[in-house]
Amino acid sequence: MMYIIVICLIGGMICGYFSGISSSGLSNHIVTLGLLMLLFSVGIDFGKNREILNSIKENRLRLFIIPMGTIIGTIVGSLVAGIILSMPVKESVAVGAGFGWYSLSGVLITQLYSVELGTMAFISNVVREVIALLIIPFVSKYVGSMEAIGIAGATAMDTSLPVIVKYTSSDMVIFSFLSGLILTLFVPLLIPIILNF
């Protein structure tokens, strides 16, 4: 699966470079359709799995450990990276607060702060997603399933979900989806707060 992901990514980059398709055109429709199909198939899995509701009832507070840990870890990591790179604290933390959601964080930071920081947010969050897709199998095997979900950030509910499910277990689907959902909701709330601080 990891090799297929890398091959698809590189193949897409080559096609995008030579095809001249605008990012706001056909490729956006294909991505949107793919994500909707992915979420639909996840919904089918949820519907078929009668134990998901039981899992939610049993794990109540545990379901929030992963997203809260991801938020704290990402903010602290962004703060440390900013200190190492001699960046202003609010800039480095705002970039990290994208939690892998590059399309929104880049645009939001560009509108609220600057094009340069928005571009940095876009690139760093794309890199986060790619790295997550590549290392989820290893993290899951050698560290743990919850940690594998955490590194995916906001993408744990969509693009990273198939990889997480494949390399962890079906029990982790609800943890992954809920973590991604919570992080996705936090991105448009945290970034403006951080940049206006």
N, C-alpha and C. Protein backbone atom coordinates (compact mmCIF):
# COMPACT_ATOMS: atom_id res chain seq x y z
N MET A 1 0.83 -1.20 0.00
CA MET A 1 0.00 0.00 0.00
C MET A 1 0.87 1.26 0.00
N MET A 2 1.95 1.23 0.80
CA MET A 2 2.82 2.39 0.89
C MET A 2 3.43 2.71 -0.48
N TYR A 3 3.86 1.66 -1.20
CA TYR A 3 4.45 1.87 -2.52
C TYR A 3 3.42 2.41 -3.51
N ILE A 4 2.20 1.93 -3.41
CA ILE A 4 1.13 2.41 -4.29
C ILE A 4 0.87 3.89 -4.04
N ILE A 5 0.86 4.29 -2.77
CA ILE A 5 0.63 5.70 -2.42
C ILE A 5 1.72 6.58 -3.02
N VAL A 6 2.97 6.17 -2.84
CA VAL A 6 4.10 6.95 -3.36
C VAL A 6 4.05 7.02 -4.88
N ILE A 7 3.77 5.89 -5.55
CA ILE A 7 3.69 5.85 -7.01
C ILE A 7 2.56 6.76 -7.50
N CYS A 8 1.39 6.70 -6.83
CA CYS A 8 0.26 7.55 -7.22
C CYS A 8 0.60 9.03 -7.05
N LEU A 9 1.24 9.36 -5.94
CA LEU A 9 1.61 10.75 -5.69
C LEU A 9 2.58 11.26 -6.76
N ILE A 10 3.61 10.49 -7.04
CA ILE A 10 4.60 10.90 -8.04
C ILE A 10 3.96 10.94 -9.44
N GLY A 11 3.12 9.94 -9.74
CA GLY A 11 2.42 9.92 -11.03
C GLY A 11 1.52 11.13 -11.19
N GLY A 12 0.81 11.50 -10.11
CA GLY A 12 -0.04 12.68 -10.15
C GLY A 12 0.75 13.96 -10.35
N MET A 13 1.92 14.04 -9.70
CA MET A 13 2.77 15.22 -9.86
C MET A 13 3.25 15.35 -11.31
N ILE A 14 3.64 14.23 -11.90
CA ILE A 14 4.11 14.24 -13.28
C ILE A 14 2.97 14.63 -14.23
N CYS A 15 1.79 14.03 -14.02
CA CYS A 15 0.63 14.36 -14.87
C CYS A 15 0.23 15.82 -14.71
N GLY A 16 0.24 16.30 -13.47
CA GLY A 16 -0.11 17.70 -13.23
C GLY A 16 0.87 18.66 -13.87
N TYR A 17 2.14 18.30 -13.83
CA TYR A 17 3.17 19.17 -14.41
C TYR A 17 3.03 19.27 -15.93
N PHE A 18 2.78 18.13 -16.58
CA PHE A 18 2.74 18.11 -18.04
C PHE A 18 1.35 18.34 -18.64
N SER A 19 0.29 18.21 -17.84
CA SER A 19 -1.05 18.30 -18.42
C SER A 19 -1.59 19.72 -18.52
N GLY A 20 -1.15 20.59 -17.63
CA GLY A 20 -1.67 21.95 -17.65
C GLY A 20 -3.05 22.08 -17.05
N ILE A 21 -3.53 21.03 -16.35
CA ILE A 21 -4.84 21.09 -15.70
C ILE A 21 -4.73 22.04 -14.51
N SER A 22 -5.64 23.00 -14.42
CA SER A 22 -5.59 23.94 -13.31
C SER A 22 -6.07 23.26 -12.04
N SER A 23 -5.52 23.70 -10.91
CA SER A 23 -5.89 23.08 -9.64
C SER A 23 -7.34 23.36 -9.28
N SER A 24 -7.91 24.40 -9.87
CA SER A 24 -9.31 24.71 -9.57
C SER A 24 -10.25 24.03 -10.56
N GLY A 25 -9.72 23.28 -11.50
CA GLY A 25 -10.54 22.66 -12.52
C GLY A 25 -10.82 21.20 -12.24
N LEU A 26 -10.50 20.37 -13.20
CA LEU A 26 -10.81 18.95 -13.17
C LEU A 26 -10.22 18.24 -11.95
N SER A 27 -8.98 18.56 -11.61
CA SER A 27 -8.34 17.85 -10.48
C SER A 27 -9.09 18.07 -9.18
N ASN A 28 -9.62 19.27 -8.94
CA ASN A 28 -10.40 19.50 -7.72
C ASN A 28 -11.65 18.65 -7.69
N HIS A 29 -12.31 18.51 -8.84
CA HIS A 29 -13.52 17.68 -8.90
C HIS A 29 -13.20 16.21 -8.65
N ILE A 30 -12.07 15.76 -9.20
CA ILE A 30 -11.67 14.36 -9.00
C ILE A 30 -11.37 14.10 -7.52
N VAL A 31 -10.63 15.04 -6.89
CA VAL A 31 -10.29 14.88 -5.47
C VAL A 31 -11.56 14.89 -4.62
N THR A 32 -12.46 15.82 -4.90
CA THR A 32 -13.70 15.90 -4.13
C THR A 32 -14.51 14.63 -4.29
N LEU A 33 -14.65 14.14 -5.51
CA LEU A 33 -15.39 12.91 -5.76
C LEU A 33 -14.75 11.72 -5.04
N GLY A 34 -13.41 11.64 -5.10
CA GLY A 34 -12.70 10.56 -4.43
C GLY A 34 -12.91 10.59 -2.92
N LEU A 35 -12.83 11.78 -2.32
CA LEU A 35 -13.04 11.89 -0.87
C LEU A 35 -14.48 11.55 -0.49
N LEU A 36 -15.44 11.99 -1.31
CA LEU A 36 -16.84 11.66 -1.02
C LEU A 36 -17.08 10.15 -1.11
N MET A 37 -16.47 9.50 -2.10
CA MET A 37 -16.60 8.04 -2.23
C MET A 37 -15.95 7.35 -1.03
N LEU A 38 -14.80 7.86 -0.61
CA LEU A 38 -14.11 7.29 0.54
C LEU A 38 -14.98 7.41 1.80
N LEU A 39 -15.54 8.59 2.04
CA LEU A 39 -16.38 8.79 3.21
C LEU A 39 -17.66 7.95 3.13
N PHE A 40 -18.20 7.78 1.92
CA PHE A 40 -19.37 6.94 1.74
C PHE A 40 -19.06 5.49 2.11
N SER A 41 -17.89 5.02 1.66
CA SER A 41 -17.51 3.63 1.98
C SER A 41 -17.23 3.45 3.47
N VAL A 42 -16.68 4.50 4.11
CA VAL A 42 -16.49 4.45 5.56
C VAL A 42 -17.85 4.38 6.25
N GLY A 43 -18.82 5.16 5.75
CA GLY A 43 -20.18 5.12 6.28
C GLY A 43 -20.80 3.74 6.16
N ILE A 44 -20.57 3.07 5.03
CA ILE A 44 -21.07 1.70 4.85
C ILE A 44 -20.46 0.77 5.89
N ASP A 45 -19.15 0.91 6.11
CA ASP A 45 -18.48 0.09 7.13
C ASP A 45 -19.06 0.36 8.51
N PHE A 46 -19.30 1.65 8.82
CA PHE A 46 -19.92 1.99 10.10
C PHE A 46 -21.29 1.33 10.24
N GLY A 47 -22.08 1.43 9.17
CA GLY A 47 -23.44 0.87 9.19
C GLY A 47 -23.45 -0.64 9.34
N LYS A 48 -22.48 -1.32 8.72
CA LYS A 48 -22.41 -2.78 8.81
C LYS A 48 -21.91 -3.26 10.16
N ASN A 49 -21.08 -2.45 10.78
CA ASN A 49 -20.47 -2.84 12.05
C ASN A 49 -21.37 -2.44 13.21
N ARG A 50 -22.10 -3.39 13.73
CA ARG A 50 -23.06 -3.14 14.81
C ARG A 50 -22.36 -2.78 16.13
N GLU A 51 -21.08 -3.07 16.21
CA GLU A 51 -20.38 -2.84 17.47
C GLU A 51 -19.84 -1.42 17.61
N ILE A 52 -19.98 -0.59 16.56
CA ILE A 52 -19.45 0.76 16.63
C ILE A 52 -20.15 1.58 17.71
N LEU A 53 -21.48 1.48 17.77
CA LEU A 53 -22.20 2.21 18.81
C LEU A 53 -21.79 1.74 20.20
N ASN A 54 -21.61 0.42 20.33
CA ASN A 54 -21.13 -0.11 21.61
C ASN A 54 -19.74 0.43 21.94
N SER A 55 -18.90 0.52 20.89
CA SER A 55 -17.55 1.03 21.08
C SER A 55 -17.58 2.48 21.54
N ILE A 56 -18.49 3.28 20.95
CA ILE A 56 -18.61 4.68 21.37
C ILE A 56 -19.05 4.76 22.82
N LYS A 57 -20.02 3.94 23.20
CA LYS A 57 -20.52 3.95 24.58
C LYS A 57 -19.43 3.52 25.56
N GLU A 58 -18.67 2.50 25.20
CA GLU A 58 -17.64 1.96 26.09
C GLU A 58 -16.46 2.91 26.24
N ASN A 59 -16.11 3.59 25.16
CA ASN A 59 -14.87 4.37 25.15
C ASN A 59 -15.06 5.87 25.40
N ARG A 60 -16.24 6.31 25.57
CA ARG A 60 -16.60 7.73 25.72
C ARG A 60 -15.42 8.69 25.79
N LEU A 61 -14.79 8.82 26.94
CA LEU A 61 -13.72 9.80 27.11
C LEU A 61 -12.44 9.41 26.37
N ARG A 62 -12.20 8.12 26.23
CA ARG A 62 -10.99 7.67 25.52
C ARG A 62 -10.98 8.13 24.07
N LEU A 63 -12.17 8.35 23.50
CA LEU A 63 -12.25 8.80 22.11
C LEU A 63 -11.64 10.19 21.92
N PHE A 64 -11.55 10.96 23.01
CA PHE A 64 -11.03 12.32 22.91
C PHE A 64 -9.55 12.42 23.25
N ILE A 65 -8.95 11.33 23.71
CA ILE A 65 -7.54 11.34 24.07
C ILE A 65 -6.66 11.60 22.85
N ILE A 66 -6.94 10.94 21.74
CA ILE A 66 -6.10 11.09 20.55
C ILE A 66 -6.14 12.52 20.00
N PRO A 67 -7.33 13.10 19.74
CA PRO A 67 -7.31 14.46 19.20
C PRO A 67 -6.71 15.49 20.17
N MET A 68 -6.97 15.35 21.45
CA MET A 68 -6.40 16.31 22.41
C MET A 68 -4.88 16.16 22.49
N GLY A 69 -4.40 14.91 22.48
CA GLY A 69 -2.96 14.67 22.47
C GLY A 69 -2.32 15.19 21.20
N THR A 70 -3.02 15.04 20.08
CA THR A 70 -2.50 15.52 18.79
C THR A 70 -2.42 17.05 18.80
N ILE A 71 -3.44 17.70 19.33
CA ILE A 71 -3.42 19.17 19.40
C ILE A 71 -2.25 19.64 20.26
N ILE A 72 -2.11 19.07 21.45
CA ILE A 72 -1.03 19.49 22.36
C ILE A 72 0.34 19.18 21.75
N GLY A 73 0.51 17.95 21.22
CA GLY A 73 1.79 17.58 20.62
C GLY A 73 2.16 18.43 19.42
N THR A 74 1.18 18.74 18.58
CA THR A 74 1.45 19.55 17.39
C THR A 74 1.82 20.97 17.77
N ILE A 75 1.10 21.54 18.73
CA ILE A 75 1.39 22.92 19.15
C ILE A 75 2.78 23.01 19.79
N VAL A 76 3.10 22.05 20.66
CA VAL A 76 4.42 22.04 21.30
C VAL A 76 5.52 21.82 20.25
N GLY A 77 5.30 20.88 19.35
CA GLY A 77 6.27 20.62 18.28
C GLY A 77 6.47 21.83 17.38
N SER A 78 5.38 22.53 17.06
CA SER A 78 5.46 23.74 16.23
C SER A 78 6.21 24.85 16.95
N LEU A 79 5.98 24.94 18.24
CA LEU A 79 6.67 25.94 19.06
C LEU A 79 8.18 25.68 19.06
N VAL A 80 8.56 24.43 19.27
CA VAL A 80 9.98 24.05 19.28
C VAL A 80 10.60 24.29 17.90
N ALA A 81 9.89 23.89 16.84
CA ALA A 81 10.40 24.11 15.48
C ALA A 81 10.58 25.60 15.20
N GLY A 82 9.64 26.41 15.66
CA GLY A 82 9.75 27.86 15.48
C GLY A 82 10.96 28.44 16.19
N ILE A 83 11.25 27.94 17.40
CA ILE A 83 12.42 28.41 18.14
C ILE A 83 13.69 28.02 17.40
N ILE A 84 13.74 26.78 16.91
CA ILE A 84 14.93 26.31 16.17
C ILE A 84 15.13 27.12 14.89
N LEU A 85 14.02 27.46 14.20
CA LEU A 85 14.10 28.19 12.93
C LEU A 85 14.07 29.71 13.11
N SER A 86 14.09 30.17 14.36
CA SER A 86 14.02 31.60 14.68
C SER A 86 12.80 32.28 14.07
N MET A 87 11.66 31.62 14.15
CA MET A 87 10.40 32.18 13.67
C MET A 87 9.64 32.77 14.85
N PRO A 88 8.83 33.79 14.59
CA PRO A 88 7.94 34.27 15.66
C PRO A 88 7.02 33.13 16.12
N VAL A 89 6.77 33.08 17.41
CA VAL A 89 6.00 31.99 18.01
C VAL A 89 4.63 31.84 17.35
N LYS A 90 3.90 32.95 17.20
CA LYS A 90 2.55 32.82 16.66
C LYS A 90 2.55 32.32 15.22
N GLU A 91 3.59 32.64 14.45
CA GLU A 91 3.66 32.16 13.07
C GLU A 91 3.89 30.65 13.03
N SER A 92 4.85 30.17 13.81
CA SER A 92 5.15 28.74 13.78
C SER A 92 3.98 27.91 14.31
N VAL A 93 3.34 28.41 15.37
CA VAL A 93 2.21 27.68 15.96
C VAL A 93 1.00 27.71 15.02
N ALA A 94 0.77 28.83 14.33
CA ALA A 94 -0.34 28.92 13.37
C ALA A 94 -0.15 27.94 12.22
N VAL A 95 1.07 27.80 11.74
CA VAL A 95 1.35 26.84 10.66
C VAL A 95 1.06 25.42 11.13
N GLY A 96 1.49 25.09 12.33
CA GLY A 96 1.23 23.75 12.87
C GLY A 96 -0.23 23.49 13.13
N ALA A 97 -0.99 24.55 13.45
CA ALA A 97 -2.40 24.40 13.78
C ALA A 97 -3.26 24.01 12.58
N GLY A 98 -2.62 23.85 11.42
CA GLY A 98 -3.34 23.31 10.26
C GLY A 98 -3.61 21.83 10.40
N PHE A 99 -2.87 21.15 11.27
CA PHE A 99 -3.03 19.72 11.58
C PHE A 99 -3.11 18.85 10.32
N GLY A 100 -2.42 19.26 9.26
CA GLY A 100 -2.42 18.47 8.02
C GLY A 100 -3.47 18.89 7.02
N TRP A 101 -4.37 19.80 7.38
CA TRP A 101 -5.41 20.26 6.45
C TRP A 101 -4.83 21.43 5.65
N TYR A 102 -4.05 21.10 4.64
CA TYR A 102 -3.29 22.10 3.90
C TYR A 102 -4.16 23.04 3.09
N SER A 103 -5.26 22.57 2.53
CA SER A 103 -6.06 23.43 1.67
C SER A 103 -6.70 24.58 2.44
N LEU A 104 -7.21 24.31 3.63
CA LEU A 104 -7.82 25.38 4.42
C LEU A 104 -6.77 26.22 5.14
N SER A 105 -5.81 25.58 5.78
CA SER A 105 -4.84 26.35 6.58
C SER A 105 -4.05 27.33 5.72
N GLY A 106 -3.65 26.91 4.54
CA GLY A 106 -2.90 27.80 3.65
C GLY A 106 -3.70 29.02 3.25
N VAL A 107 -4.94 28.80 2.87
CA VAL A 107 -5.82 29.91 2.44
C VAL A 107 -6.15 30.82 3.62
N LEU A 108 -6.48 30.22 4.75
CA LEU A 108 -6.87 30.98 5.94
C LEU A 108 -5.73 31.88 6.42
N ILE A 109 -4.54 31.32 6.49
CA ILE A 109 -3.38 32.11 6.95
C ILE A 109 -3.03 33.19 5.93
N THR A 110 -3.18 32.89 4.64
CA THR A 110 -2.93 33.91 3.61
C THR A 110 -3.89 35.08 3.79
N GLN A 111 -5.16 34.77 4.04
CA GLN A 111 -6.16 35.84 4.20
C GLN A 111 -5.97 36.62 5.49
N LEU A 112 -5.62 35.93 6.56
CA LEU A 112 -5.52 36.58 7.87
C LEU A 112 -4.17 37.22 8.16
N TYR A 113 -3.11 36.74 7.48
CA TYR A 113 -1.77 37.18 7.89
C TYR A 113 -0.89 37.58 6.71
N SER A 114 -0.41 36.59 5.94
CA SER A 114 0.44 36.93 4.80
C SER A 114 0.51 35.76 3.82
N VAL A 115 0.81 36.09 2.57
CA VAL A 115 0.94 35.07 1.53
C VAL A 115 2.11 34.14 1.84
N GLU A 116 3.19 34.70 2.34
CA GLU A 116 4.39 33.90 2.63
C GLU A 116 4.08 32.84 3.68
N LEU A 117 3.44 33.26 4.78
CA LEU A 117 3.13 32.30 5.84
C LEU A 117 2.06 31.31 5.38
N GLY A 118 1.12 31.77 4.57
CA GLY A 118 0.10 30.87 4.01
C GLY A 118 0.73 29.80 3.13
N THR A 119 1.72 30.20 2.35
CA THR A 119 2.44 29.24 1.50
C THR A 119 3.20 28.24 2.35
N MET A 120 3.83 28.74 3.41
CA MET A 120 4.55 27.85 4.32
C MET A 120 3.59 26.85 4.98
N ALA A 121 2.41 27.33 5.38
CA ALA A 121 1.41 26.45 5.99
C ALA A 121 0.96 25.39 5.01
N PHE A 122 0.72 25.80 3.77
CA PHE A 122 0.30 24.85 2.75
C PHE A 122 1.35 23.75 2.57
N ILE A 123 2.59 24.16 2.36
CA ILE A 123 3.67 23.19 2.10
C ILE A 123 3.90 22.29 3.31
N SER A 124 3.99 22.87 4.51
CA SER A 124 4.29 22.05 5.69
C SER A 124 3.16 21.07 5.99
N ASN A 125 1.92 21.46 5.75
CA ASN A 125 0.81 20.55 6.01
C ASN A 125 0.68 19.48 4.94
N VAL A 126 1.07 19.78 3.69
CA VAL A 126 1.14 18.74 2.65
C VAL A 126 2.21 17.73 3.04
N VAL A 127 3.36 18.24 3.48
CA VAL A 127 4.46 17.36 3.89
C VAL A 127 4.03 16.50 5.07
N ARG A 128 3.29 17.08 6.02
CA ARG A 128 2.80 16.30 7.16
C ARG A 128 1.94 15.13 6.68
N GLU A 129 1.03 15.41 5.75
CA GLU A 129 0.15 14.35 5.26
C GLU A 129 0.93 13.25 4.55
N VAL A 130 1.87 13.65 3.70
CA VAL A 130 2.67 12.66 2.96
C VAL A 130 3.49 11.81 3.92
N ILE A 131 4.16 12.46 4.88
CA ILE A 131 4.96 11.72 5.86
C ILE A 131 4.07 10.78 6.66
N ALA A 132 2.89 11.26 7.06
CA ALA A 132 1.96 10.41 7.82
C ALA A 132 1.59 9.17 7.02
N LEU A 133 1.26 9.35 5.74
CA LEU A 133 0.89 8.21 4.90
C LEU A 133 2.03 7.20 4.79
N LEU A 134 3.25 7.71 4.76
CA LEU A 134 4.41 6.83 4.62
C LEU A 134 4.78 6.11 5.91
N ILE A 135 4.61 6.77 7.07
CA ILE A 135 5.10 6.16 8.31
C ILE A 135 4.02 5.53 9.18
N ILE A 136 2.75 5.70 8.82
CA ILE A 136 1.68 5.07 9.60
C ILE A 136 1.90 3.56 9.77
N PRO A 137 2.29 2.82 8.71
CA PRO A 137 2.51 1.38 8.91
C PRO A 137 3.58 1.08 9.95
N PHE A 138 4.66 1.85 9.95
CA PHE A 138 5.76 1.62 10.89
C PHE A 138 5.38 2.04 12.31
N VAL A 139 4.74 3.19 12.42
CA VAL A 139 4.33 3.67 13.75
C VAL A 139 3.33 2.71 14.37
N SER A 140 2.38 2.24 13.55
CA SER A 140 1.38 1.31 14.05
C SER A 140 2.02 0.01 14.55
N LYS A 141 3.01 -0.47 13.81
CA LYS A 141 3.64 -1.74 14.15
C LYS A 141 4.58 -1.62 15.35
N TYR A 142 5.36 -0.54 15.40
CA TYR A 142 6.42 -0.46 16.41
C TYR A 142 6.10 0.46 17.59
N VAL A 143 5.10 1.35 17.45
CA VAL A 143 4.77 2.27 18.55
C VAL A 143 3.37 1.99 19.06
N GLY A 144 2.37 2.11 18.19
CA GLY A 144 1.00 1.85 18.62
C GLY A 144 -0.03 2.42 17.67
N SER A 145 -1.23 1.89 17.75
CA SER A 145 -2.32 2.30 16.85
C SER A 145 -2.76 3.73 17.10
N MET A 146 -2.89 4.12 18.35
CA MET A 146 -3.34 5.48 18.67
C MET A 146 -2.33 6.52 18.20
N GLU A 147 -1.06 6.21 18.33
CA GLU A 147 -0.02 7.11 17.86
C GLU A 147 -0.07 7.25 16.34
N ALA A 148 -0.38 6.16 15.65
CA ALA A 148 -0.50 6.20 14.19
C ALA A 148 -1.64 7.12 13.77
N ILE A 149 -2.72 7.11 14.53
CA ILE A 149 -3.84 8.00 14.24
C ILE A 149 -3.43 9.45 14.50
N GLY A 150 -2.71 9.68 15.58
CA GLY A 150 -2.31 11.03 15.94
C GLY A 150 -1.44 11.71 14.90
N ILE A 151 -0.52 10.97 14.30
CA ILE A 151 0.36 11.62 13.31
C ILE A 151 -0.39 12.02 12.04
N ALA A 152 -1.54 11.39 11.79
CA ALA A 152 -2.32 11.74 10.60
C ALA A 152 -3.00 13.09 10.75
N GLY A 153 -3.20 13.55 11.96
CA GLY A 153 -3.85 14.84 12.18
C GLY A 153 -5.28 14.85 11.67
N ALA A 154 -5.64 15.94 11.01
CA ALA A 154 -7.01 16.10 10.51
C ALA A 154 -7.35 15.10 9.41
N THR A 155 -6.33 14.58 8.76
CA THR A 155 -6.56 13.63 7.65
C THR A 155 -6.93 12.23 8.13
N ALA A 156 -6.97 12.03 9.46
CA ALA A 156 -7.32 10.72 10.00
C ALA A 156 -8.74 10.32 9.66
N MET A 157 -9.59 11.29 9.28
CA MET A 157 -10.97 10.96 8.96
C MET A 157 -11.20 10.79 7.46
N ASP A 158 -10.20 11.11 6.63
CA ASP A 158 -10.43 10.97 5.20
C ASP A 158 -9.26 10.31 4.48
N THR A 159 -8.28 11.07 4.03
CA THR A 159 -7.25 10.49 3.17
C THR A 159 -6.36 9.46 3.87
N SER A 160 -6.11 9.64 5.17
CA SER A 160 -5.26 8.68 5.89
C SER A 160 -6.05 7.49 6.44
N LEU A 161 -7.36 7.59 6.46
CA LEU A 161 -8.20 6.56 7.08
C LEU A 161 -7.97 5.16 6.49
N PRO A 162 -7.92 5.00 5.16
CA PRO A 162 -7.70 3.63 4.64
C PRO A 162 -6.38 3.02 5.09
N VAL A 163 -5.33 3.86 5.17
CA VAL A 163 -4.02 3.36 5.59
C VAL A 163 -4.06 2.99 7.07
N ILE A 164 -4.72 3.83 7.88
CA ILE A 164 -4.85 3.55 9.31
C ILE A 164 -5.60 2.25 9.53
N VAL A 165 -6.72 2.07 8.84
CA VAL A 165 -7.52 0.85 8.99
C VAL A 165 -6.73 -0.38 8.57
N LYS A 166 -5.99 -0.24 7.47
CA LYS A 166 -5.22 -1.39 6.96
C LYS A 166 -4.13 -1.82 7.94
N TYR A 167 -3.47 -0.86 8.57
CA TYR A 167 -2.31 -1.19 9.41
C TYR A 167 -2.61 -1.22 10.90
N THR A 168 -3.83 -0.89 11.31
CA THR A 168 -4.18 -1.02 12.73
C THR A 168 -5.23 -2.12 12.85
N SER A 169 -6.46 -1.74 13.12
CA SER A 169 -7.55 -2.72 13.19
C SER A 169 -8.87 -2.00 12.97
N SER A 170 -9.91 -2.76 12.71
CA SER A 170 -11.21 -2.14 12.47
C SER A 170 -11.74 -1.44 13.72
N ASP A 171 -11.24 -1.82 14.90
CA ASP A 171 -11.64 -1.14 16.14
C ASP A 171 -11.19 0.32 16.16
N MET A 172 -10.15 0.62 15.40
CA MET A 172 -9.58 1.96 15.40
C MET A 172 -10.32 2.92 14.48
N VAL A 173 -11.27 2.43 13.68
CA VAL A 173 -11.98 3.28 12.72
C VAL A 173 -12.67 4.43 13.43
N ILE A 174 -13.39 4.15 14.48
CA ILE A 174 -14.14 5.20 15.18
C ILE A 174 -13.19 6.19 15.84
N PHE A 175 -12.08 5.70 16.40
CA PHE A 175 -11.08 6.59 16.99
C PHE A 175 -10.50 7.52 15.92
N SER A 176 -10.15 6.93 14.78
CA SER A 176 -9.54 7.68 13.70
C SER A 176 -10.50 8.72 13.14
N PHE A 177 -11.72 8.31 12.83
CA PHE A 177 -12.69 9.22 12.24
C PHE A 177 -13.00 10.38 13.19
N LEU A 178 -13.24 10.07 14.44
CA LEU A 178 -13.59 11.11 15.41
C LEU A 178 -12.41 12.06 15.63
N SER A 179 -11.20 11.52 15.70
CA SER A 179 -10.01 12.36 15.87
C SER A 179 -9.87 13.33 14.71
N GLY A 180 -9.99 12.82 13.49
CA GLY A 180 -9.90 13.69 12.31
C GLY A 180 -10.99 14.74 12.28
N LEU A 181 -12.20 14.34 12.68
CA LEU A 181 -13.32 15.28 12.70
C LEU A 181 -13.08 16.41 13.70
N ILE A 182 -12.66 16.06 14.90
CA ILE A 182 -12.40 17.08 15.93
C ILE A 182 -11.28 18.03 15.49
N LEU A 183 -10.21 17.48 14.95
CA LEU A 183 -9.10 18.31 14.49
C LEU A 183 -9.53 19.21 13.34
N THR A 184 -10.36 18.68 12.45
CA THR A 184 -10.87 19.47 11.34
C THR A 184 -11.69 20.65 11.85
N LEU A 185 -12.49 20.43 12.89
CA LEU A 185 -13.29 21.50 13.46
C LEU A 185 -12.42 22.55 14.17
N PHE A 186 -11.29 22.11 14.72
CA PHE A 186 -10.42 23.02 15.46
C PHE A 186 -9.60 23.94 14.55
N VAL A 187 -9.28 23.50 13.33
CA VAL A 187 -8.42 24.30 12.45
C VAL A 187 -8.95 25.71 12.24
N PRO A 188 -10.21 25.89 11.76
CA PRO A 188 -10.68 27.26 11.54
C PRO A 188 -10.92 28.06 12.83
N LEU A 189 -10.93 27.40 13.97
CA LEU A 189 -11.07 28.10 15.24
C LEU A 189 -9.72 28.54 15.79
N LEU A 190 -8.75 27.63 15.76
CA LEU A 190 -7.44 27.91 16.38
C LEU A 190 -6.59 28.90 15.60
N ILE A 191 -6.57 28.76 14.27
CA ILE A 191 -5.66 29.62 13.48
C ILE A 191 -5.96 31.10 13.68
N PRO A 192 -7.22 31.56 13.57
CA PRO A 192 -7.47 32.99 13.83
C PRO A 192 -7.13 33.42 15.27
N ILE A 193 -7.42 32.54 16.24
CA ILE A 193 -7.09 32.88 17.62
C ILE A 193 -5.59 33.07 17.79
N ILE A 194 -4.81 32.15 17.23
CA ILE A 194 -3.34 32.22 17.34
C ILE A 194 -2.80 33.46 16.65
N LEU A 195 -3.29 33.75 15.44
CA LEU A 195 -2.76 34.89 14.69
C LEU A 195 -3.19 36.23 15.26
N ASN A 196 -4.27 36.25 16.00
CA ASN A 196 -4.73 37.51 16.61
C ASN A 196 -4.24 37.68 18.04
N PHE A 197 -3.45 36.73 18.53
CA PHE A 197 -2.98 36.77 19.91
C PHE A 197 -1.91 37.83 20.09
